[in-house]
Amino acid sequence: MINVNSQILYKKFDNHLDIKDELLNLINKQQSESLKPGQYADNVSRLDWSSSNNFERPWVKFFMPHFIRNYNKLCLSMNRKSFQVKDIWFQQYEKDGTHGWHTHSENYTGVYYLEMPSGPQTQIYDGKIINLPVEEGDIIIFPSFLIHRAPVIKDESRKTIISFNVNFEGIRNELLEVIDEME
């Protein structure tokens, strides 16, 4: 687990290589739309954002048990009792693909880098532009109010991410006991 600052957490996704091919296969079969250049200069080849709260999609049903195992570890590291996934969707970027500056809903958002060639990483604006040192198989979480983007892909490779919005709930009793002893 890596903390870039107190707001951004990284973790290697357990079993990434074990699930990658099957997950990409299911995503490739998923009905999707595209996001073409508009107000925010977005250019996303494929995504299923319009179905982000449908947890019955085949790729989501396959992915969620793996995701929950990994995310429980992040939840514990943040001293939270539980989390609730509100939305989950994939995005695929090809040459000239990008997702302009934006924010998300809920209290945290995250990205799992399922297919990540070397190249543009997620950037966050927090008084300055921060290039997050991510690579394939990483999962990151950060407060959803942080302004972020996916910079332009300049080569012929494809990037596939799974994005999600979550709410963390409750504080672990163990932490409350430690805090109470500080008084």
C-alpha atoms as a PDB file:
ATOM      1  CA  MET A   1       0.000   0.000   0.000  1.00  0.00           C
ATOM      2  CA  ILE A   2       1.415   3.401  -0.981  1.00  0.00           C
ATOM      3  CA  ASN A   3       0.180   6.794   0.153  1.00  0.00           C
ATOM      4  CA  VAL A   4       1.094   9.623  -2.223  1.00  0.00           C
ATOM      5  CA  ASN A   5      -0.503  11.963   0.246  1.00  0.00           C
ATOM      6  CA  SER A   6      -3.154  11.372   2.884  1.00  0.00           C
ATOM      7  CA  GLN A   7      -5.867  11.434   0.215  1.00  0.00           C
ATOM      8  CA  ILE A   8      -4.582   9.064  -2.483  1.00  0.00           C
ATOM      9  CA  LEU A   9      -4.055   5.345  -1.847  1.00  0.00           C
ATOM     10  CA  TYR A  10      -2.457   2.754  -4.155  1.00  0.00           C
ATOM     11  CA  LYS A  11      -2.554  -1.010  -3.987  1.00  0.00           C
ATOM     12  CA  LYS A  12      -1.500  -3.802  -6.322  1.00  0.00           C
ATOM     13  CA  PHE A  13      -4.625  -5.703  -7.325  1.00  0.00           C
ATOM     14  CA  ASP A  14      -4.299  -9.269  -6.035  1.00  0.00           C
ATOM     15  CA  ASN A  15      -4.684 -11.890  -8.793  1.00  0.00           C
ATOM     16  CA  HIS A  16      -4.534  -9.269 -11.551  1.00  0.00           C
ATOM     17  CA  LEU A  17      -2.870 -11.635 -14.028  1.00  0.00           C
ATOM     18  CA  ASP A  18      -5.282 -14.439 -13.112  1.00  0.00           C
ATOM     19  CA  ILE A  19      -8.395 -12.438 -14.011  1.00  0.00           C
ATOM     20  CA  LYS A  20      -7.131 -10.034 -16.687  1.00  0.00           C
ATOM     21  CA  ASP A  21      -7.827 -12.088 -19.836  1.00  0.00           C
ATOM     22  CA  GLU A  22     -11.286 -13.284 -18.774  1.00  0.00           C
ATOM     23  CA  LEU A  23     -12.274  -9.806 -17.615  1.00  0.00           C
ATOM     24  CA  LEU A  24     -11.139  -8.226 -20.896  1.00  0.00           C
ATOM     25  CA  ASN A  25     -13.032 -10.929 -22.813  1.00  0.00           C
ATOM     26  CA  LEU A  26     -16.244 -10.132 -20.911  1.00  0.00           C
ATOM     27  CA  ILE A  27     -15.729  -6.386 -21.325  1.00  0.00           C
ATOM     28  CA  ASN A  28     -15.185  -6.824 -25.068  1.00  0.00           C
ATOM     29  CA  LYS A  29     -18.608  -8.551 -25.276  1.00  0.00           C
ATOM     30  CA  GLN A  30     -20.330  -5.820 -23.253  1.00  0.00           C
ATOM     31  CA  GLN A  31     -22.675  -3.433 -25.014  1.00  0.00           C
ATOM     32  CA  SER A  32     -21.061  -0.016 -24.861  1.00  0.00           C
ATOM     33  CA  GLU A  33     -21.062   3.527 -26.117  1.00  0.00           C
ATOM     34  CA  SER A  34     -18.309   5.984 -26.940  1.00  0.00           C
ATOM     35  CA  LEU A  35     -17.546   9.467 -25.731  1.00  0.00           C
ATOM     36  CA  LYS A  36     -16.368  11.713 -28.526  1.00  0.00           C
ATOM     37  CA  PRO A  37     -14.723  15.139 -28.300  1.00  0.00           C
ATOM     38  CA  GLY A  38     -17.058  17.723 -26.818  1.00  0.00           C
ATOM     39  CA  GLN A  39     -16.967  20.306 -24.065  1.00  0.00           C
ATOM     40  CA  TYR A  40     -14.175  18.570 -22.150  1.00  0.00           C
ATOM     41  CA  ALA A  41     -12.209  17.207 -25.131  1.00  0.00           C
ATOM     42  CA  ASP A  42     -13.147  13.657 -24.120  1.00  0.00           C
ATOM     43  CA  ASN A  43     -12.371  10.826 -26.503  1.00  0.00           C
ATOM     44  CA  VAL A  44     -13.191   7.442 -24.957  1.00  0.00           C
ATOM     45  CA  SER A  45     -13.422   4.579 -27.467  1.00  0.00           C
ATOM     46  CA  ARG A  46     -15.696   2.353 -25.389  1.00  0.00           C
ATOM     47  CA  LEU A  47     -17.420   2.683 -22.034  1.00  0.00           C
ATOM     48  CA  ASP A  48     -20.530   1.449 -20.280  1.00  0.00           C
ATOM     49  CA  TRP A  49     -21.116   4.449 -18.033  1.00  0.00           C
ATOM     50  CA  SER A  50     -24.836   4.535 -18.853  1.00  0.00           C
ATOM     51  CA  SER A  51     -25.140   1.133 -17.119  1.00  0.00           C
ATOM     52  CA  SER A  52     -22.856   1.981 -14.190  1.00  0.00           C
ATOM     53  CA  ASN A  53     -25.434   1.120 -11.530  1.00  0.00           C
ATOM     54  CA  ASN A  54     -26.365  -2.223 -13.140  1.00  0.00           C
ATOM     55  CA  PHE A  55     -24.466  -4.842 -11.162  1.00  0.00           C
ATOM     56  CA  GLU A  56     -25.882  -7.708 -13.260  1.00  0.00           C
ATOM     57  CA  ARG A  57     -23.594  -7.132 -16.254  1.00  0.00           C
ATOM     58  CA  PRO A  58     -21.539 -10.317 -16.826  1.00  0.00           C
ATOM     59  CA  TRP A  59     -18.172  -8.598 -16.447  1.00  0.00           C
ATOM     60  CA  VAL A  60     -19.284  -6.942 -13.188  1.00  0.00           C
ATOM     61  CA  LYS A  61     -20.570 -10.236 -11.753  1.00  0.00           C
ATOM     62  CA  PHE A  62     -17.212 -11.859 -12.577  1.00  0.00           C
ATOM     63  CA  PHE A  63     -15.182  -8.924 -11.235  1.00  0.00           C
ATOM     64  CA  MET A  64     -16.985  -8.030  -7.997  1.00  0.00           C
ATOM     65  CA  PRO A  65     -15.749 -10.918  -5.785  1.00  0.00           C
ATOM     66  CA  HIS A  66     -12.143 -10.048  -6.703  1.00  0.00           C
ATOM     67  CA  PHE A  67     -12.805  -6.355  -6.286  1.00  0.00           C
ATOM     68  CA  ILE A  68     -14.405  -6.790  -2.852  1.00  0.00           C
ATOM     69  CA  ARG A  69     -11.430  -8.807  -1.571  1.00  0.00           C
ATOM     70  CA  ASN A  70      -9.013  -6.093  -2.707  1.00  0.00           C
ATOM     71  CA  TYR A  71     -11.170  -3.218  -1.577  1.00  0.00           C
ATOM     72  CA  ASN A  72     -11.708  -4.681   1.896  1.00  0.00           C
ATOM     73  CA  LYS A  73      -7.953  -4.350   2.408  1.00  0.00           C
ATOM     74  CA  LEU A  74      -8.090  -0.669   1.396  1.00  0.00           C
ATOM     75  CA  CYS A  75     -11.086  -0.153   3.655  1.00  0.00           C
ATOM     76  CA  LEU A  76      -9.187  -1.584   6.628  1.00  0.00           C
ATOM     77  CA  SER A  77      -6.145   0.560   5.855  1.00  0.00           C
ATOM     78  CA  MET A  78      -8.406   3.613   6.069  1.00  0.00           C
ATOM     79  CA  ASN A  79      -9.846   2.430   9.413  1.00  0.00           C
ATOM     80  CA  ARG A  80     -13.346   2.255   7.962  1.00  0.00           C
ATOM     81  CA  LYS A  81     -15.899  -0.435   8.810  1.00  0.00           C
ATOM     82  CA  SER A  82     -17.372  -0.906   5.365  1.00  0.00           C
ATOM     83  CA  PHE A  83     -17.912   0.499   1.902  1.00  0.00           C
ATOM     84  CA  GLN A  84     -20.729   0.590  -0.609  1.00  0.00           C
ATOM     85  CA  VAL A  85     -20.070   0.623  -4.361  1.00  0.00           C
ATOM     86  CA  LYS A  86     -22.523   3.021  -5.991  1.00  0.00           C
ATOM     87  CA  ASP A  87     -21.345   2.888  -9.624  1.00  0.00           C
ATOM     88  CA  ILE A  88     -18.855   0.790 -11.587  1.00  0.00           C
ATOM     89  CA  TRP A  89     -18.004   0.980 -15.298  1.00  0.00           C
ATOM     90  CA  PHE A  90     -15.189   0.373 -17.750  1.00  0.00           C
ATOM     91  CA  GLN A  91     -13.514   2.780 -20.143  1.00  0.00           C
ATOM     92  CA  GLN A  92     -11.232   1.895 -23.042  1.00  0.00           C
ATOM     93  CA  TYR A  93      -8.943   4.375 -24.723  1.00  0.00           C
ATOM     94  CA  GLU A  94      -7.117   4.005 -28.031  1.00  0.00           C
ATOM     95  CA  LYS A  95      -4.820   6.377 -29.964  1.00  0.00           C
ATOM     96  CA  ASP A  96      -5.747  10.013 -29.197  1.00  0.00           C
ATOM     97  CA  GLY A  97      -8.046   8.809 -26.399  1.00  0.00           C
ATOM     98  CA  THR A  98      -8.460  11.068 -23.379  1.00  0.00           C
ATOM     99  CA  HIS A  99     -10.849  11.992 -20.599  1.00  0.00           C
ATOM    100  CA  GLY A 100     -10.684  15.679 -19.703  1.00  0.00           C
ATOM    101  CA  TRP A 101     -10.613  17.257 -16.251  1.00  0.00           C
ATOM    102  CA  HIS A 102     -13.561  16.107 -14.140  1.00  0.00           C
ATOM    103  CA  THR A 103     -14.746  15.019 -10.699  1.00  0.00           C
ATOM    104  CA  HIS A 104     -17.048  12.241  -9.477  1.00  0.00           C
ATOM    105  CA  SER A 105     -19.948  11.759  -7.097  1.00  0.00           C
ATOM    106  CA  GLU A 106     -19.964   9.907  -3.734  1.00  0.00           C
ATOM    107  CA  ASN A 107     -17.149  10.336  -1.208  1.00  0.00           C
ATOM    108  CA  TYR A 108     -14.400   8.351  -2.974  1.00  0.00           C
ATOM    109  CA  THR A 109     -13.654   7.311  -6.506  1.00  0.00           C
ATOM    110  CA  GLY A 110     -11.171   4.817  -7.803  1.00  0.00           C
ATOM    111  CA  VAL A 111      -9.523   3.301 -10.820  1.00  0.00           C
ATOM    112  CA  TYR A 112      -8.313  -0.224 -11.483  1.00  0.00           C
ATOM    113  CA  TYR A 113      -5.780  -0.284 -14.341  1.00  0.00           C
ATOM    114  CA  LEU A 114      -6.734  -3.497 -16.102  1.00  0.00           C
ATOM    115  CA  GLU A 115      -4.805  -2.892 -19.320  1.00  0.00           C
ATOM    116  CA  MET A 116      -2.166  -0.201 -19.119  1.00  0.00           C
ATOM    117  CA  PRO A 117       0.598   0.301 -21.657  1.00  0.00           C
ATOM    118  CA  SER A 118       3.458   2.526 -20.672  1.00  0.00           C
ATOM    119  CA  GLY A 119       2.314   6.021 -21.331  1.00  0.00           C
ATOM    120  CA  PRO A 120      -0.051   8.581 -19.946  1.00  0.00           C
ATOM    121  CA  GLN A 121      -1.032   8.092 -16.356  1.00  0.00           C
ATOM    122  CA  THR A 122      -3.902   9.560 -14.409  1.00  0.00           C
ATOM    123  CA  GLN A 123      -3.285  13.160 -13.445  1.00  0.00           C
ATOM    124  CA  ILE A 124      -4.763  14.918 -10.435  1.00  0.00           C
ATOM    125  CA  TYR A 125      -4.957  18.650  -9.925  1.00  0.00           C
ATOM    126  CA  ASP A 126      -4.361  19.555  -6.271  1.00  0.00           C
ATOM    127  CA  GLY A 127      -2.934  23.058  -6.554  1.00  0.00           C
ATOM    128  CA  LYS A 128      -0.551  21.613  -9.163  1.00  0.00           C
ATOM    129  CA  ILE A 129      -0.746  18.782 -11.682  1.00  0.00           C
ATOM    130  CA  ILE A 130       0.338  15.483 -10.133  1.00  0.00           C
ATOM    131  CA  ASN A 131       1.176  12.509 -12.376  1.00  0.00           C
ATOM    132  CA  LEU A 132       0.173   9.415 -10.438  1.00  0.00           C
ATOM    133  CA  PRO A 133       2.835   6.712 -10.844  1.00  0.00           C
ATOM    134  CA  VAL A 134       0.436   3.932 -11.808  1.00  0.00           C
ATOM    135  CA  GLU A 135       0.991   0.804 -13.822  1.00  0.00           C
ATOM    136  CA  GLU A 136      -1.089  -2.106 -14.982  1.00  0.00           C
ATOM    137  CA  GLY A 137      -2.568  -4.035 -12.077  1.00  0.00           C
ATOM    138  CA  ASP A 138      -2.749  -1.047  -9.713  1.00  0.00           C
ATOM    139  CA  ILE A 139      -5.885   0.115  -7.992  1.00  0.00           C
ATOM    140  CA  ILE A 140      -6.063   3.659  -6.633  1.00  0.00           C
ATOM    141  CA  ILE A 141      -8.634   5.536  -4.615  1.00  0.00           C
ATOM    142  CA  PHE A 142      -8.969   9.219  -3.876  1.00  0.00           C
ATOM    143  CA  PRO A 143     -11.643  11.670  -2.733  1.00  0.00           C
ATOM    144  CA  SER A 144     -14.148  12.138  -5.532  1.00  0.00           C
ATOM    145  CA  PHE A 145     -13.900  15.933  -5.351  1.00  0.00           C
ATOM    146  CA  LEU A 146     -10.276  15.867  -6.576  1.00  0.00           C
ATOM    147  CA  ILE A 147     -10.081  17.127 -10.144  1.00  0.00           C
ATOM    148  CA  HIS A 148      -8.467  14.504 -12.377  1.00  0.00           C
ATOM    149  CA  ARG A 149      -8.066  13.404 -15.991  1.00  0.00           C
ATOM    150  CA  ALA A 150      -6.705  10.729 -18.306  1.00  0.00           C
ATOM    151  CA  PRO A 151      -4.152  12.410 -20.587  1.00  0.00           C
ATOM    152  CA  VAL A 152      -4.060  11.740 -24.334  1.00  0.00           C
ATOM    153  CA  ILE A 153      -2.754   8.356 -25.519  1.00  0.00           C
ATOM    154  CA  LYS A 154      -0.253   9.098 -28.253  1.00  0.00           C
ATOM    155  CA  ASP A 155       0.642   5.599 -29.465  1.00  0.00           C
ATOM    156  CA  GLU A 156      -1.339   2.687 -30.911  1.00  0.00           C
ATOM    157  CA  SER A 157      -1.845   0.848 -27.610  1.00  0.00           C
ATOM    158  CA  ARG A 158      -5.144   0.389 -25.786  1.00  0.00           C
ATOM    159  CA  LYS A 159      -5.769   1.337 -22.165  1.00  0.00           C
ATOM    160  CA  THR A 160      -8.634  -0.271 -20.220  1.00  0.00           C
ATOM    161  CA  ILE A 161      -9.663   0.904 -16.778  1.00  0.00           C
ATOM    162  CA  ILE A 162     -12.459   0.081 -14.411  1.00  0.00           C
ATOM    163  CA  SER A 163     -13.710   3.124 -12.567  1.00  0.00           C
ATOM    164  CA  PHE A 164     -15.983   3.188  -9.549  1.00  0.00           C
ATOM    165  CA  ASN A 165     -17.606   5.469  -7.005  1.00  0.00           C
ATOM    166  CA  VAL A 166     -17.887   4.328  -3.394  1.00  0.00           C
ATOM    167  CA  ASN A 167     -18.944   5.541   0.004  1.00  0.00           C
ATOM    168  CA  PHE A 168     -16.992   4.505   3.065  1.00  0.00           C
ATOM    169  CA  GLU A 169     -19.074   4.011   6.154  1.00  0.00           C
ATOM    170  CA  GLY A 170     -18.285   3.923   9.863  1.00  0.00           C
ATOM    171  CA  ILE A 171     -15.025   4.001  11.772  1.00  0.00           C
ATOM    172  CA  ARG A 172     -13.411   0.774  12.971  1.00  0.00           C
ATOM    173  CA  ASN A 173     -13.878   0.259  16.707  1.00  0.00           C
ATOM    174  CA  GLU A 174     -10.150  -0.421  17.154  1.00  0.00           C
ATOM    175  CA  LEU A 175      -9.326   3.083  15.940  1.00  0.00           C
ATOM    176  CA  LEU A 176     -12.002   4.667  18.122  1.00  0.00           C
ATOM    177  CA  GLU A 177     -10.473   2.938  21.158  1.00  0.00           C
ATOM    178  CA  VAL A 178      -7.020   4.296  20.282  1.00  0.00           C
ATOM    179  CA  ILE A 179      -8.421   7.804  19.766  1.00  0.00           C
ATOM    180  CA  ASP A 180     -10.338   7.646  23.049  1.00  0.00           C
ATOM    181  CA  GLU A 181      -7.141   6.667  24.893  1.00  0.00           C
ATOM    182  CA  MET A 182      -5.429   9.815  23.531  1.00  0.00           C
ATOM    183  CA  GLU A 183      -7.761  12.090  25.486  1.00  0.00           C
END
